[in-house]
C-alpha atoms as a PDB file:
ATOM      1  CA  MET A   1     303.400   7.606 -27.801  1.00  0.00           C
ATOM      2  CA  ASN A   2     302.598  10.977 -26.344  1.00  0.00           C
ATOM      3  CA  LYS A   3     302.282  14.331 -28.106  1.00  0.00           C
ATOM      4  CA  SER A   4     302.881  17.889 -27.006  1.00  0.00           C
ATOM      5  CA  THR A   5     302.688  21.343 -28.615  1.00  0.00           C
ATOM      6  CA  PHE A   6     304.670  24.416 -27.559  1.00  0.00           C
ATOM      7  CA  ARG A   7     304.619  27.928 -29.053  1.00  0.00           C
ATOM      8  CA  LEU A   8     307.105  30.801 -28.987  1.00  0.00           C
ATOM      9  CA  THR A   9     308.178  33.914 -30.885  1.00  0.00           C
ATOM     10  CA  VAL A  10     311.662  34.320 -32.394  1.00  0.00           C
ATOM     11  CA  ARG A  11     313.687  36.959 -30.525  1.00  0.00           C
ATOM     12  CA  GLY A  12     316.381  39.219 -31.945  1.00  0.00           C
ATOM     13  CA  CYS A  13     319.083  37.749 -29.711  1.00  0.00           C
ATOM     14  CA  GLU A  14     318.537  34.347 -31.390  1.00  0.00           C
ATOM     15  CA  LEU A  15     319.642  35.467 -34.870  1.00  0.00           C
ATOM     16  CA  ASP A  16     322.863  34.827 -36.757  1.00  0.00           C
ATOM     17  CA  SER A  17     324.665  37.337 -38.998  1.00  0.00           C
ATOM     18  CA  PHE A  18     322.273  36.508 -41.874  1.00  0.00           C
ATOM     19  CA  GLY A  19     319.176  37.380 -39.839  1.00  0.00           C
ATOM     20  CA  HIS A  20     318.129  33.737 -39.449  1.00  0.00           C
ATOM     21  CA  VAL A  21     317.718  31.813 -36.202  1.00  0.00           C
ATOM     22  CA  ASN A  22     321.163  30.525 -35.188  1.00  0.00           C
ATOM     23  CA  ASN A  23     321.576  26.761 -35.501  1.00  0.00           C
ATOM     24  CA  ALA A  24     322.239  26.273 -31.777  1.00  0.00           C
ATOM     25  CA  VAL A  25     318.977  28.026 -30.931  1.00  0.00           C
ATOM     26  CA  TYR A  26     316.967  25.213 -32.534  1.00  0.00           C
ATOM     27  CA  LEU A  27     318.434  22.898 -29.892  1.00  0.00           C
ATOM     28  CA  GLN A  28     317.343  25.362 -27.220  1.00  0.00           C
ATOM     29  CA  TYR A  29     313.844  25.398 -28.703  1.00  0.00           C
ATOM     30  CA  ALA A  30     313.802  21.584 -28.658  1.00  0.00           C
ATOM     31  CA  GLU A  31     314.977  21.399 -25.048  1.00  0.00           C
ATOM     32  CA  THR A  32     312.439  24.040 -24.024  1.00  0.00           C
ATOM     33  CA  ALA A  33     309.734  21.874 -25.606  1.00  0.00           C
ATOM     34  CA  VAL A  34     310.963  18.888 -23.549  1.00  0.00           C
ATOM     35  CA  TRP A  35     310.789  20.849 -20.281  1.00  0.00           C
ATOM     36  CA  ASN A  36     307.372  22.194 -21.251  1.00  0.00           C
ATOM     37  CA  PHE A  37     306.168  18.629 -21.870  1.00  0.00           C
ATOM     38  CA  PHE A  38     307.282  17.473 -18.419  1.00  0.00           C
ATOM     39  CA  ARG A  39     305.744  20.529 -16.766  1.00  0.00           C
ATOM     40  CA  ASN A  40     302.397  20.164 -18.561  1.00  0.00           C
ATOM     41  CA  SER A  41     302.281  16.413 -17.918  1.00  0.00           C
ATOM     42  CA  GLN A  42     302.333  17.286 -14.192  1.00  0.00           C
ATOM     43  CA  LEU A  43     305.121  14.747 -13.679  1.00  0.00           C
ATOM     44  CA  LEU A  44     307.971  17.217 -13.188  1.00  0.00           C
ATOM     45  CA  ASP A  45     307.418  17.503  -9.426  1.00  0.00           C
ATOM     46  CA  MET A  46     307.439  13.709  -9.109  1.00  0.00           C
ATOM     47  CA  LEU A  47     310.759  13.540 -10.959  1.00  0.00           C
ATOM     48  CA  PHE A  48     312.320  16.221  -8.764  1.00  0.00           C
ATOM     49  CA  GLU A  49     310.992  14.597  -5.576  1.00  0.00           C
ATOM     50  CA  ARG A  50     312.809  11.416  -6.609  1.00  0.00           C
ATOM     51  CA  GLY A  51     315.948  13.389  -7.357  1.00  0.00           C
ATOM     52  CA  LEU A  52     315.762  12.638 -11.082  1.00  0.00           C
ATOM     53  CA  PHE A  53     316.693  15.041 -13.837  1.00  0.00           C
ATOM     54  CA  PRO A  54     316.261  14.629 -17.610  1.00  0.00           C
ATOM     55  CA  VAL A  55     319.534  14.657 -19.541  1.00  0.00           C
ATOM     56  CA  ILE A  56     319.809  14.805 -23.322  1.00  0.00           C
ATOM     57  CA  LEU A  57     321.954  11.898 -24.552  1.00  0.00           C
ATOM     58  CA  GLU A  58     321.898  12.756 -28.241  1.00  0.00           C
ATOM     59  CA  SER A  59     320.205  15.192 -30.565  1.00  0.00           C
ATOM     60  CA  THR A  60     320.137  15.533 -34.355  1.00  0.00           C
ATOM     61  CA  GLN A  61     318.860  18.508 -36.335  1.00  0.00           C
ATOM     62  CA  ARG A  62     317.669  18.715 -39.910  1.00  0.00           C
ATOM     63  CA  TYR A  63     317.236  22.276 -41.194  1.00  0.00           C
ATOM     64  CA  ILE A  64     314.560  22.789 -43.828  1.00  0.00           C
ATOM     65  CA  HIS A  65     313.416  26.464 -43.893  1.00  0.00           C
ATOM     66  CA  GLU A  66     314.808  29.433 -41.997  1.00  0.00           C
ATOM     67  CA  LEU A  67     313.093  31.284 -39.176  1.00  0.00           C
ATOM     68  CA  LYS A  68     313.487  35.053 -38.804  1.00  0.00           C
ATOM     69  CA  ILE A  69     312.867  37.682 -36.153  1.00  0.00           C
ATOM     70  CA  PHE A  70     309.343  37.755 -34.700  1.00  0.00           C
ATOM     71  CA  ASP A  71     308.258  34.622 -36.571  1.00  0.00           C
ATOM     72  CA  GLU A  72     305.639  32.743 -34.594  1.00  0.00           C
ATOM     73  CA  VAL A  73     306.834  29.193 -33.988  1.00  0.00           C
ATOM     74  CA  ARG A  74     304.979  25.993 -33.132  1.00  0.00           C
ATOM     75  CA  ILE A  75     306.863  22.929 -31.915  1.00  0.00           C
ATOM     76  CA  GLU A  76     305.031  19.629 -32.207  1.00  0.00           C
ATOM     77  CA  SER A  77     306.685  16.889 -30.173  1.00  0.00           C
ATOM     78  CA  GLU A  78     306.302  13.143 -29.780  1.00  0.00           C
ATOM     79  CA  PHE A  79     307.745  11.123 -26.904  1.00  0.00           C
ATOM     80  CA  ARG A  80     308.195   7.335 -26.666  1.00  0.00           C
ATOM     81  CA  THR A  81     309.999   4.984 -24.336  1.00  0.00           C
ATOM     82  CA  SER A  82     312.427   2.321 -25.463  1.00  0.00           C
ATOM     83  CA  GLY A  83     314.668   0.305 -23.170  1.00  0.00           C
ATOM     84  CA  GLY A  84     314.816   2.851 -20.361  1.00  0.00           C
ATOM     85  CA  ILE A  85     315.412   5.737 -22.753  1.00  0.00           C
ATOM     86  CA  ILE A  86     312.924   8.345 -23.947  1.00  0.00           C
ATOM     87  CA  ASN A  87     313.032   9.054 -27.673  1.00  0.00           C
ATOM     88  CA  TYR A  88     311.680  12.371 -28.876  1.00  0.00           C
ATOM     89  CA  LYS A  89     310.862  13.931 -32.232  1.00  0.00           C
ATOM     90  CA  HIS A  90     310.213  17.636 -32.667  1.00  0.00           C
ATOM     91  CA  LYS A  91     308.863  19.361 -35.753  1.00  0.00           C
ATOM     92  CA  ILE A  92     309.486  23.097 -35.583  1.00  0.00           C
ATOM     93  CA  PHE A  93     306.982  25.025 -37.719  1.00  0.00           C
ATOM     94  CA  ASN A  94     306.813  28.622 -38.887  1.00  0.00           C
ATOM     95  CA  GLU A  95     303.189  29.445 -38.019  1.00  0.00           C
ATOM     96  CA  GLY A  96     303.045  32.220 -40.636  1.00  0.00           C
ATOM     97  CA  THR A  97     303.992  30.002 -43.568  1.00  0.00           C
ATOM     98  CA  GLY A  98     302.923  26.636 -42.196  1.00  0.00           C
ATOM     99  CA  LYS A  99     306.298  25.226 -43.300  1.00  0.00           C
ATOM    100  CA  ILE A 100     308.512  22.980 -41.214  1.00  0.00           C
ATOM    101  CA  SER A 101     311.683  24.884 -40.366  1.00  0.00           C
ATOM    102  CA  CYS A 102     313.569  22.130 -38.595  1.00  0.00           C
ATOM    103  CA  LYS A 103     313.226  18.562 -37.368  1.00  0.00           C
ATOM    104  CA  VAL A 104     314.998  17.518 -34.186  1.00  0.00           C
ATOM    105  CA  THR A 105     315.258  13.933 -32.966  1.00  0.00           C
ATOM    106  CA  GLY A 106     316.995  12.666 -29.896  1.00  0.00           C
ATOM    107  CA  LYS A 107     317.170  10.562 -26.783  1.00  0.00           C
ATOM    108  CA  LEU A 108     317.102  11.422 -23.129  1.00  0.00           C
ATOM    109  CA  ALA A 109     317.570   9.560 -19.895  1.00  0.00           C
ATOM    110  CA  PHE A 110     317.168  10.400 -16.234  1.00  0.00           C
ATOM    111  CA  VAL A 111     320.083  10.797 -13.868  1.00  0.00           C
ATOM    112  CA  ASP A 112     320.182  11.116 -10.101  1.00  0.00           C
ATOM    113  CA  HIS A 113     322.280  13.467  -7.945  1.00  0.00           C
ATOM    114  CA  ASP A 114     325.260  11.133  -8.405  1.00  0.00           C
ATOM    115  CA  ARG A 115     324.885  11.433 -12.197  1.00  0.00           C
ATOM    116  CA  VAL A 116     323.915   7.773 -12.496  1.00  0.00           C
ATOM    117  CA  ILE A 117     321.424   6.897 -15.232  1.00  0.00           C
ATOM    118  CA  CYS A 118     318.211   5.604 -13.653  1.00  0.00           C
ATOM    119  CA  SER A 119     315.173   3.753 -14.930  1.00  0.00           C
ATOM    120  CA  VAL A 120     312.263   5.728 -16.298  1.00  0.00           C
ATOM    121  CA  PRO A 121     309.740   5.940 -13.409  1.00  0.00           C
ATOM    122  CA  ASP A 122     306.663   3.733 -13.800  1.00  0.00           C
ATOM    123  CA  GLU A 123     304.300   6.728 -13.675  1.00  0.00           C
ATOM    124  CA  LEU A 124     306.101   8.336 -16.587  1.00  0.00           C
ATOM    125  CA  MET A 125     306.206   5.050 -18.538  1.00  0.00           C
ATOM    126  CA  GLU A 126     302.434   4.684 -18.105  1.00  0.00           C
ATOM    127  CA  TYR A 127     301.868   8.287 -19.154  1.00  0.00           C
ATOM    128  CA  LEU A 128     304.029   7.943 -22.266  1.00  0.00           C
ATOM    129  CA  GLU A 129     302.437   4.647 -23.269  1.00  0.00           C
ATOM    130  CA  SER A 130     298.916   6.095 -23.175  1.00  0.00           C
ATOM    131  CA  ASP A 131     297.728   7.639 -26.443  1.00  0.00           C
ATOM    132  CA  ASN A 132     295.319  10.238 -25.104  1.00  0.00           C
ATOM    133  CA  ASN A 133     297.610  12.763 -23.427  1.00  0.00           C
ATOM    134  CA  ASP A 134     297.949  15.700 -25.813  1.00  0.00           C
ATOM    135  CA  ASN A 135     299.811  18.562 -24.101  1.00  0.00           C
ATOM    136  CA  LYS A 136     299.160  21.945 -25.651  1.00  0.00           C
ATOM    137  CA  ASN A 137     300.546  25.332 -24.768  1.00  0.00           C
END
């Protein structure tokens, strides 16, 4: 298992008519955390050189507490491999209250330019299987 932390601030354009973060935005936060993880792991260039791109296969959200404009947000993520798929779990926290706002779980795979699902590269498997790679932003 591998862990990563990503931080951001809620923007006005992310709000719904009630002044809360729109439900679809939580998925954007989760995907941003995934890209941040690959960038900080220094494996993104290797993936691109091989013509591989991460693709979300499924994603589930569980809303717990709302986020509002200018809230400081921390996303704590965990990544694991299972049968050629990467499973991820995100906990999205409101830094001001310390409360979890949303939990997002999902699966991703890698596809090539022909949109064919490919095996997880060995380097990435090794990285994910090591327990001492905490990515922080």
